[in-house]
Amino acid sequence: MLSFLFSLMLFSVVFIAVGRWHGQQRKTAVEIYQRYQALQIADNQRQRRLLGLPCSASCRRNRIMFHIYCQGEEIKVSYPSGEIIL
C-alpha cells in the first residue's frame, strides 16, 4: 500500500511539473507571436510610407489591438506585452 501511495505521489509531482512547464512554453510562444505580428505591422507601415500613404493609427489582429505611432523615420508599434520601434 505504501508503494502505491509513493507511486501516486511521484506521478502527481511529475504531472504538475509538466503542466507548469507546458504553461510557461505556451506563454513564451504567445509573446513571440505577438512580437512577430508587431514587426509585420511596423514593416507594413514602413512600406506604406515609402508609397506615400499615411500611417495607420491602430490595427487589430487576433483580438489584440496594436497601436501605431509614426514620427519622422521612426515607427513604433505598441501591443499588450511590449512595443517595437523601427
PDB file of N, CA and C in Angstrom:
ATOM      1  N   MET A   1       0.818  -1.198   0.000  1.00  0.00           N
ATOM      2  CA  MET A   1       0.000   0.000   0.000  1.00  0.00           C
ATOM      3  C   MET A   1       0.862   1.262   0.000  1.00  0.00           C
ATOM      4  N   LEU A   2       1.954   1.200   0.752  1.00  0.00           N
ATOM      5  CA  LEU A   2       2.851   2.349   0.841  1.00  0.00           C
ATOM      6  C   LEU A   2       3.507   2.633  -0.510  1.00  0.00           C
ATOM      7  N   SER A   3       3.875   1.570  -1.224  1.00  0.00           N
ATOM      8  CA  SER A   3       4.492   1.773  -2.538  1.00  0.00           C
ATOM      9  C   SER A   3       3.492   2.382  -3.525  1.00  0.00           C
ATOM     10  N   PHE A   4       2.229   2.007  -3.404  1.00  0.00           N
ATOM     11  CA  PHE A   4       1.196   2.593  -4.263  1.00  0.00           C
ATOM     12  C   PHE A   4       1.054   4.090  -3.992  1.00  0.00           C
ATOM     13  N   LEU A   5       1.022   4.480  -2.728  1.00  0.00           N
ATOM     14  CA  LEU A   5       0.913   5.898  -2.374  1.00  0.00           C
ATOM     15  C   LEU A   5       2.135   6.679  -2.844  1.00  0.00           C
ATOM     16  N   PHE A   6       3.311   6.069  -2.700  1.00  0.00           N
ATOM     17  CA  PHE A   6       4.528   6.729  -3.169  1.00  0.00           C
ATOM     18  C   PHE A   6       4.493   6.907  -4.686  1.00  0.00           C
ATOM     19  N   SER A   7       4.063   5.876  -5.403  1.00  0.00           N
ATOM     20  CA  SER A   7       3.960   5.964  -6.866  1.00  0.00           C
ATOM     21  C   SER A   7       2.956   7.032  -7.281  1.00  0.00           C
ATOM     22  N   LEU A   8       1.846   7.095  -6.572  1.00  0.00           N
ATOM     23  CA  LEU A   8       0.825   8.098  -6.864  1.00  0.00           C
ATOM     24  C   LEU A   8       1.357   9.510  -6.615  1.00  0.00           C
ATOM     25  N   MET A   9       2.100   9.683  -5.520  1.00  0.00           N
ATOM     26  CA  MET A   9       2.688  10.981  -5.210  1.00  0.00           C
ATOM     27  C   MET A   9       3.714  11.378  -6.279  1.00  0.00           C
ATOM     28  N   LEU A  10       4.557  10.431  -6.665  1.00  0.00           N
ATOM     29  CA  LEU A  10       5.570  10.707  -7.680  1.00  0.00           C
ATOM     30  C   LEU A  10       4.917  11.084  -9.011  1.00  0.00           C
ATOM     31  N   PHE A  11       3.892  10.356  -9.407  1.00  0.00           N
ATOM     32  CA  PHE A  11       3.169  10.675 -10.635  1.00  0.00           C
ATOM     33  C   PHE A  11       2.559  12.072 -10.555  1.00  0.00           C
ATOM     34  N   SER A  12       1.990  12.422  -9.414  1.00  0.00           N
ATOM     35  CA  SER A  12       1.377  13.745  -9.238  1.00  0.00           C
ATOM     36  C   SER A  12       2.409  14.854  -9.373  1.00  0.00           C
ATOM     37  N   VAL A  13       3.571  14.663  -8.768  1.00  0.00           N
ATOM     38  CA  VAL A  13       4.632  15.673  -8.849  1.00  0.00           C
ATOM     39  C   VAL A  13       5.086  15.850 -10.294  1.00  0.00           C
ATOM     40  N   VAL A  14       5.294  14.748 -10.994  1.00  0.00           N
ATOM     41  CA  VAL A  14       5.715  14.824 -12.400  1.00  0.00           C
ATOM     42  C   VAL A  14       4.623  15.481 -13.240  1.00  0.00           C
ATOM     43  N   PHE A  15       3.381  15.119 -13.015  1.00  0.00           N
ATOM     44  CA  PHE A  15       2.260  15.684 -13.767  1.00  0.00           C
ATOM     45  C   PHE A  15       2.165  17.193 -13.553  1.00  0.00           C
ATOM     46  N   ILE A  16       2.303  17.650 -12.324  1.00  0.00           N
ATOM     47  CA  ILE A  16       2.250  19.086 -12.021  1.00  0.00           C
ATOM     48  C   ILE A  16       3.431  19.813 -12.654  1.00  0.00           C
ATOM     49  N   ALA A  17       4.626  19.216 -12.585  1.00  0.00           N
ATOM     50  CA  ALA A  17       5.811  19.849 -13.176  1.00  0.00           C
ATOM     51  C   ALA A  17       5.663  19.994 -14.689  1.00  0.00           C
ATOM     52  N   VAL A  18       5.166  18.962 -15.343  1.00  0.00           N
ATOM     53  CA  VAL A  18       4.971  19.022 -16.797  1.00  0.00           C
ATOM     54  C   VAL A  18       3.905  20.057 -17.138  1.00  0.00           C
ATOM     55  N   GLY A  19       2.851  20.138 -16.344  1.00  0.00           N
ATOM     56  CA  GLY A  19       1.802  21.138 -16.580  1.00  0.00           C
ATOM     57  C   GLY A  19       2.333  22.558 -16.472  1.00  0.00           C
ATOM     58  N   ARG A  20       3.160  22.816 -15.469  1.00  0.00           N
ATOM     59  CA  ARG A  20       3.750  24.156 -15.319  1.00  0.00           C
ATOM     60  C   ARG A  20       4.699  24.475 -16.468  1.00  0.00           C
ATOM     61  N   TRP A  21       5.513  23.484 -16.859  1.00  0.00           N
ATOM     62  CA  TRP A  21       6.437  23.694 -17.968  1.00  0.00           C
ATOM     63  C   TRP A  21       5.661  24.003 -19.249  1.00  0.00           C
ATOM     64  N   HIS A  22       4.592  23.264 -19.491  1.00  0.00           N
ATOM     65  CA  HIS A  22       3.778  23.489 -20.685  1.00  0.00           C
ATOM     66  C   HIS A  22       3.153  24.883 -20.665  1.00  0.00           C
ATOM     67  N   GLY A  23       2.675  25.316 -19.518  1.00  0.00           N
ATOM     68  CA  GLY A  23       2.099  26.657 -19.400  1.00  0.00           C
ATOM     69  C   GLY A  23       3.120  27.740 -19.704  1.00  0.00           C
ATOM     70  N   GLN A  24       4.344  27.563 -19.213  1.00  0.00           N
ATOM     71  CA  GLN A  24       5.408  28.536 -19.477  1.00  0.00           C
ATOM     72  C   GLN A  24       5.762  28.555 -20.962  1.00  0.00           C
ATOM     73  N   GLN A  25       5.816  27.384 -21.588  1.00  0.00           N
ATOM     74  CA  GLN A  25       6.114  27.316 -23.019  1.00  0.00           C
ATOM     75  C   GLN A  25       5.036  28.019 -23.832  1.00  0.00           C
ATOM     76  N   ARG A  26       3.792  27.840 -23.447  1.00  0.00           N
ATOM     77  CA  ARG A  26       2.680  28.493 -24.152  1.00  0.00           C
ATOM     78  C   ARG A  26       2.771  30.007 -24.012  1.00  0.00           C
ATOM     79  N   LYS A  27       3.071  30.485 -22.816  1.00  0.00           N
ATOM     80  CA  LYS A  27       3.196  31.924 -22.579  1.00  0.00           C
ATOM     81  C   LYS A  27       4.315  32.513 -23.439  1.00  0.00           C
ATOM     82  N   THR A  28       5.441  31.833 -23.502  1.00  0.00           N
ATOM     83  CA  THR A  28       6.561  32.296 -24.319  1.00  0.00           C
ATOM     84  C   THR A  28       6.188  32.307 -25.798  1.00  0.00           C
ATOM     85  N   ALA A  29       5.483  31.282 -26.250  1.00  0.00           N
ATOM     86  CA  ALA A  29       5.074  31.216 -27.655  1.00  0.00           C
ATOM     87  C   ALA A  29       4.130  32.361 -28.006  1.00  0.00           C
ATOM     88  N   VAL A  30       3.216  32.706 -27.110  1.00  0.00           N
ATOM     89  CA  VAL A  30       2.285  33.810 -27.349  1.00  0.00           C
ATOM     90  C   VAL A  30       3.048  35.128 -27.443  1.00  0.00           C
ATOM     91  N   GLU A  31       4.022  35.344 -26.550  1.00  0.00           N
ATOM     92  CA  GLU A  31       4.814  36.573 -26.583  1.00  0.00           C
ATOM     93  C   GLU A  31       5.612  36.690 -27.880  1.00  0.00           C
ATOM     94  N   ILE A  32       6.207  35.585 -28.312  1.00  0.00           N
ATOM     95  CA  ILE A  32       6.980  35.597 -29.563  1.00  0.00           C
ATOM     96  C   ILE A  32       6.067  35.889 -30.747  1.00  0.00           C
ATOM     97  N   TYR A  33       4.876  35.291 -30.776  1.00  0.00           N
ATOM     98  CA  TYR A  33       3.957  35.507 -31.887  1.00  0.00           C
ATOM     99  C   TYR A  33       3.456  36.950 -31.926  1.00  0.00           C
ATOM    100  N   GLN A  34       3.154  37.534 -30.756  1.00  0.00           N
ATOM    101  CA  GLN A  34       2.721  38.932 -30.720  1.00  0.00           C
ATOM    102  C   GLN A  34       3.841  39.847 -31.209  1.00  0.00           C
ATOM    103  N   ARG A  35       5.071  39.559 -30.819  1.00  0.00           N
ATOM    104  CA  ARG A  35       6.211  40.365 -31.275  1.00  0.00           C
ATOM    105  C   ARG A  35       6.367  40.251 -32.795  1.00  0.00           C
ATOM    106  N   TYR A  36       6.199  39.054 -33.321  1.00  0.00           N
ATOM    107  CA  TYR A  36       6.281  38.836 -34.762  1.00  0.00           C
ATOM    108  C   TYR A  36       5.188  39.618 -35.492  1.00  0.00           C
ATOM    109  N   GLN A  37       3.965  39.608 -34.947  1.00  0.00           N
ATOM    110  CA  GLN A  37       2.883  40.374 -35.560  1.00  0.00           C
ATOM    111  C   GLN A  37       3.205  41.866 -35.538  1.00  0.00           C
ATOM    112  N   ALA A  38       3.753  42.360 -34.423  1.00  0.00           N
ATOM    113  CA  ALA A  38       4.106  43.777 -34.327  1.00  0.00           C
ATOM    114  C   ALA A  38       5.173  44.134 -35.356  1.00  0.00           C
ATOM    115  N   LEU A  39       6.143  43.257 -35.563  1.00  0.00           N
ATOM    116  CA  LEU A  39       7.171  43.505 -36.582  1.00  0.00           C
ATOM    117  C   LEU A  39       6.560  43.548 -37.980  1.00  0.00           C
ATOM    118  N   GLN A  40       5.618  42.667 -38.256  1.00  0.00           N
ATOM    119  CA  GLN A  40       4.942  42.682 -39.555  1.00  0.00           C
ATOM    120  C   GLN A  40       4.172  43.984 -39.751  1.00  0.00           C
ATOM    121  N   ILE A  41       3.488  44.439 -38.714  1.00  0.00           N
ATOM    122  CA  ILE A  41       2.719  45.682 -38.804  1.00  0.00           C
ATOM    123  C   ILE A  41       3.653  46.859 -39.027  1.00  0.00           C
ATOM    124  N   ALA A  42       4.766  46.908 -38.287  1.00  0.00           N
ATOM    125  CA  ALA A  42       5.725  48.003 -38.441  1.00  0.00           C
ATOM    126  C   ALA A  42       6.313  48.013 -39.849  1.00  0.00           C
ATOM    127  N   ASP A  43       6.659  46.844 -40.362  1.00  0.00           N
ATOM    128  CA  ASP A  43       7.205  46.775 -41.718  1.00  0.00           C
ATOM    129  C   ASP A  43       6.155  47.199 -42.740  1.00  0.00           C
ATOM    130  N   ASN A  44       4.903  46.824 -42.529  1.00  0.00           N
ATOM    131  CA  ASN A  44       3.816  47.237 -43.411  1.00  0.00           C
ATOM    132  C   ASN A  44       3.677  48.764 -43.416  1.00  0.00           C
ATOM    133  N   GLN A  45       3.776  49.384 -42.251  1.00  0.00           N
ATOM    134  CA  GLN A  45       3.671  50.844 -42.172  1.00  0.00           C
ATOM    135  C   GLN A  45       4.850  51.511 -42.878  1.00  0.00           C
ATOM    136  N   ARG A  46       6.030  50.901 -42.756  1.00  0.00           N
ATOM    137  CA  ARG A  46       7.204  51.447 -43.451  1.00  0.00           C
ATOM    138  C   ARG A  46       6.990  51.400 -44.961  1.00  0.00           C
ATOM    139  N   GLN A  47       6.432  50.292 -45.451  1.00  0.00           N
ATOM    140  CA  GLN A  47       6.148  50.179 -46.883  1.00  0.00           C
ATOM    141  C   GLN A  47       5.089  51.190 -47.317  1.00  0.00           C
ATOM    142  N   ARG A  48       4.064  51.403 -46.485  1.00  0.00           N
ATOM    143  CA  ARG A  48       3.026  52.392 -46.800  1.00  0.00           C
ATOM    144  C   ARG A  48       3.642  53.785 -46.917  1.00  0.00           C
ATOM    145  N   ARG A  49       4.551  54.108 -46.016  1.00  0.00           N
ATOM    146  CA  ARG A  49       5.169  55.439 -46.043  1.00  0.00           C
ATOM    147  C   ARG A  49       6.045  55.615 -47.281  1.00  0.00           C
ATOM    148  N   LEU A  50       6.722  54.541 -47.707  1.00  0.00           N
ATOM    149  CA  LEU A  50       7.522  54.615 -48.930  1.00  0.00           C
ATOM    150  C   LEU A  50       6.646  54.859 -50.156  1.00  0.00           C
ATOM    151  N   LEU A  51       5.401  54.389 -50.100  1.00  0.00           N
ATOM    152  CA  LEU A  51       4.464  54.598 -51.205  1.00  0.00           C
ATOM    153  C   LEU A  51       3.725  55.926 -51.105  1.00  0.00           C
ATOM    154  N   GLY A  52       4.006  56.693 -50.049  1.00  0.00           N
ATOM    155  CA  GLY A  52       3.357  57.985 -49.868  1.00  0.00           C
ATOM    156  C   GLY A  52       1.998  57.907 -49.201  1.00  0.00           C
ATOM    157  N   LEU A  53       1.663  56.759 -48.627  1.00  0.00           N
ATOM    158  CA  LEU A  53       0.382  56.593 -47.938  1.00  0.00           C
ATOM    159  C   LEU A  53       0.532  56.977 -46.467  1.00  0.00           C
ATOM    160  N   PRO A  54      -0.566  57.388 -45.832  1.00  0.00           N
ATOM    161  CA  PRO A  54      -0.475  57.781 -44.420  1.00  0.00           C
ATOM    162  C   PRO A  54      -0.282  56.567 -43.503  1.00  0.00           C
ATOM    163  N   CYS A  55       0.227  56.852 -42.334  1.00  0.00           N
ATOM    164  CA  CYS A  55       0.442  55.824 -41.317  1.00  0.00           C
ATOM    165  C   CYS A  55      -0.884  55.532 -40.608  1.00  0.00           C
ATOM    166  N   SER A  56      -1.206  54.275 -40.418  1.00  0.00           N
ATOM    167  CA  SER A  56      -2.424  53.907 -39.690  1.00  0.00           C
ATOM    168  C   SER A  56      -2.245  54.208 -38.205  1.00  0.00           C
ATOM    169  N   ALA A  57      -3.357  54.414 -37.508  1.00  0.00           N
ATOM    170  CA  ALA A  57      -3.287  54.710 -36.071  1.00  0.00           C
ATOM    171  C   ALA A  57      -3.325  53.442 -35.227  1.00  0.00           C
ATOM    172  N   SER A  58      -4.041  52.427 -35.699  1.00  0.00           N
ATOM    173  CA  SER A  58      -4.131  51.185 -34.937  1.00  0.00           C
ATOM    174  C   SER A  58      -4.492  50.033 -35.868  1.00  0.00           C
ATOM    175  N   CYS A  59      -4.329  48.839 -35.346  1.00  0.00           N
ATOM    176  CA  CYS A  59      -4.612  47.639 -36.122  1.00  0.00           C
ATOM    177  C   CYS A  59      -5.025  46.547 -35.142  1.00  0.00           C
ATOM    178  N   ARG A  60      -6.048  45.784 -35.488  1.00  0.00           N
ATOM    179  CA  ARG A  60      -6.484  44.679 -34.631  1.00  0.00           C
ATOM    180  C   ARG A  60      -6.215  43.376 -35.365  1.00  0.00           C
ATOM    181  N   ARG A  61      -5.461  42.500 -34.709  1.00  0.00           N
ATOM    182  CA  ARG A  61      -5.189  41.169 -35.259  1.00  0.00           C
ATOM    183  C   ARG A  61      -5.368  40.138 -34.156  1.00  0.00           C
ATOM    184  N   ASN A  62      -6.105  39.099 -34.445  1.00  0.00           N
ATOM    185  CA  ASN A  62      -6.352  38.016 -33.484  1.00  0.00           C
ATOM    186  C   ASN A  62      -6.826  38.538 -32.134  1.00  0.00           C
ATOM    187  N   ARG A  63      -7.770  39.457 -32.169  1.00  0.00           N
ATOM    188  CA  ARG A  63      -8.373  40.060 -30.969  1.00  0.00           C
ATOM    189  C   ARG A  63      -7.367  40.834 -30.115  1.00  0.00           C
ATOM    190  N   ILE A  64      -6.253  41.247 -30.702  1.00  0.00           N
ATOM    191  CA  ILE A  64      -5.251  42.052 -29.995  1.00  0.00           C
ATOM    192  C   ILE A  64      -5.140  43.388 -30.708  1.00  0.00           C
ATOM    193  N   MET A  65      -5.178  44.473 -29.946  1.00  0.00           N
ATOM    194  CA  MET A  65      -5.081  45.812 -30.517  1.00  0.00           C
ATOM    195  C   MET A  65      -3.616  46.254 -30.523  1.00  0.00           C
ATOM    196  N   PHE A  66      -3.142  46.640 -31.699  1.00  0.00           N
ATOM    197  CA  PHE A  66      -1.803  47.176 -31.874  1.00  0.00           C
ATOM    198  C   PHE A  66      -1.947  48.665 -32.181  1.00  0.00           C
ATOM    199  N   HIS A  67      -1.276  49.513 -31.408  1.00  0.00           N
ATOM    200  CA  HIS A  67      -1.314  50.958 -31.632  1.00  0.00           C
ATOM    201  C   HIS A  67      -0.043  51.361 -32.371  1.00  0.00           C
ATOM    202  N   ILE A  68      -0.222  52.187 -33.409  1.00  0.00           N
ATOM    203  CA  ILE A  68       0.884  52.546 -34.293  1.00  0.00           C
ATOM    204  C   ILE A  68       1.149  54.038 -34.188  1.00  0.00           C
ATOM    205  N   TYR A  69       2.414  54.393 -33.988  1.00  0.00           N
ATOM    206  CA  TYR A  69       2.829  55.794 -33.910  1.00  0.00           C
ATOM    207  C   TYR A  69       3.958  56.010 -34.913  1.00  0.00           C
ATOM    208  N   CYS A  70       3.767  56.954 -35.825  1.00  0.00           N
ATOM    209  CA  CYS A  70       4.787  57.278 -36.818  1.00  0.00           C
ATOM    210  C   CYS A  70       5.234  58.721 -36.599  1.00  0.00           C
ATOM    211  N   GLN A  71       6.539  58.916 -36.462  1.00  0.00           N
ATOM    212  CA  GLN A  71       7.076  60.265 -36.311  1.00  0.00           C
ATOM    213  C   GLN A  71       8.438  60.298 -36.991  1.00  0.00           C
ATOM    214  N   GLY A  72       8.543  61.118 -38.016  1.00  0.00           N
ATOM    215  CA  GLY A  72       9.788  61.168 -38.779  1.00  0.00           C
ATOM    216  C   GLY A  72      10.044  59.823 -39.435  1.00  0.00           C
ATOM    217  N   GLU A  73      11.241  59.294 -39.228  1.00  0.00           N
ATOM    218  CA  GLU A  73      11.591  57.982 -39.776  1.00  0.00           C
ATOM    219  C   GLU A  73      11.249  56.848 -38.810  1.00  0.00           C
ATOM    220  N   GLU A  74      10.831  57.193 -37.598  1.00  0.00           N
ATOM    221  CA  GLU A  74      10.579  56.186 -36.570  1.00  0.00           C
ATOM    222  C   GLU A  74       9.140  55.672 -36.627  1.00  0.00           C
ATOM    223  N   ILE A  75       8.993  54.367 -36.519  1.00  0.00           N
ATOM    224  CA  ILE A  75       7.679  53.732 -36.449  1.00  0.00           C
ATOM    225  C   ILE A  75       7.655  52.900 -35.171  1.00  0.00           C
ATOM    226  N   LYS A  76       6.668  53.170 -34.319  1.00  0.00           N
ATOM    227  CA  LYS A  76       6.538  52.441 -33.054  1.00  0.00           C
ATOM    228  C   LYS A  76       5.197  51.725 -33.040  1.00  0.00           C
ATOM    229  N   VAL A  77       5.231  50.453 -32.735  1.00  0.00           N
ATOM    230  CA  VAL A  77       4.020  49.644 -32.621  1.00  0.00           C
ATOM    231  C   VAL A  77       3.947  49.124 -31.188  1.00  0.00           C
ATOM    232  N   SER A  78       2.891  49.525 -30.476  1.00  0.00           N
ATOM    233  CA  SER A  78       2.689  49.073 -29.095  1.00  0.00           C
ATOM    234  C   SER A  78       1.621  47.992 -29.072  1.00  0.00           C
ATOM    235  N   TYR A  79       1.831  46.997 -28.237  1.00  0.00           N
ATOM    236  CA  TYR A  79       0.875  45.908 -28.065  1.00  0.00           C
ATOM    237  C   TYR A  79       0.873  45.516 -26.592  1.00  0.00           C
ATOM    238  N   PRO A  80      -0.076  44.688 -26.144  1.00  0.00           N
ATOM    239  CA  PRO A  80      -0.234  44.446 -24.703  1.00  0.00           C
ATOM    240  C   PRO A  80       1.028  43.996 -23.965  1.00  0.00           C
ATOM    241  N   SER A  81       1.885  43.217 -24.594  1.00  0.00           N
ATOM    242  CA  SER A  81       3.056  42.722 -23.868  1.00  0.00           C
ATOM    243  C   SER A  81       4.360  43.424 -24.232  1.00  0.00           C
ATOM    244  N   GLY A  82       4.301  44.539 -24.971  1.00  0.00           N
ATOM    245  CA  GLY A  82       5.533  45.256 -25.294  1.00  0.00           C
ATOM    246  C   GLY A  82       5.360  46.240 -26.426  1.00  0.00           C
ATOM    247  N   GLU A  83       6.491  46.612 -27.024  1.00  0.00           N
ATOM    248  CA  GLU A  83       6.457  47.517 -28.173  1.00  0.00           C
ATOM    249  C   GLU A  83       7.673  47.274 -29.057  1.00  0.00           C
ATOM    250  N   ILE A  84       7.520  47.644 -30.328  1.00  0.00           N
ATOM    251  CA  ILE A  84       8.571  47.515 -31.334  1.00  0.00           C
ATOM    252  C   ILE A  84       8.828  48.900 -31.897  1.00  0.00           C
ATOM    253  N   ILE A  85      10.094  49.260 -32.061  1.00  0.00           N
ATOM    254  CA  ILE A  85      10.446  50.542 -32.680  1.00  0.00           C
ATOM    255  C   ILE A  85      11.374  50.256 -33.853  1.00  0.00           C
ATOM    256  N   LEU A  86      10.967  50.730 -35.032  1.00  0.00           N
ATOM    257  CA  LEU A  86      11.818  50.617 -36.232  1.00  0.00           C
ATOM    258  C   LEU A  86      12.318  51.989 -36.600  1.00  0.00           C
TER     259      LEU A  86
END
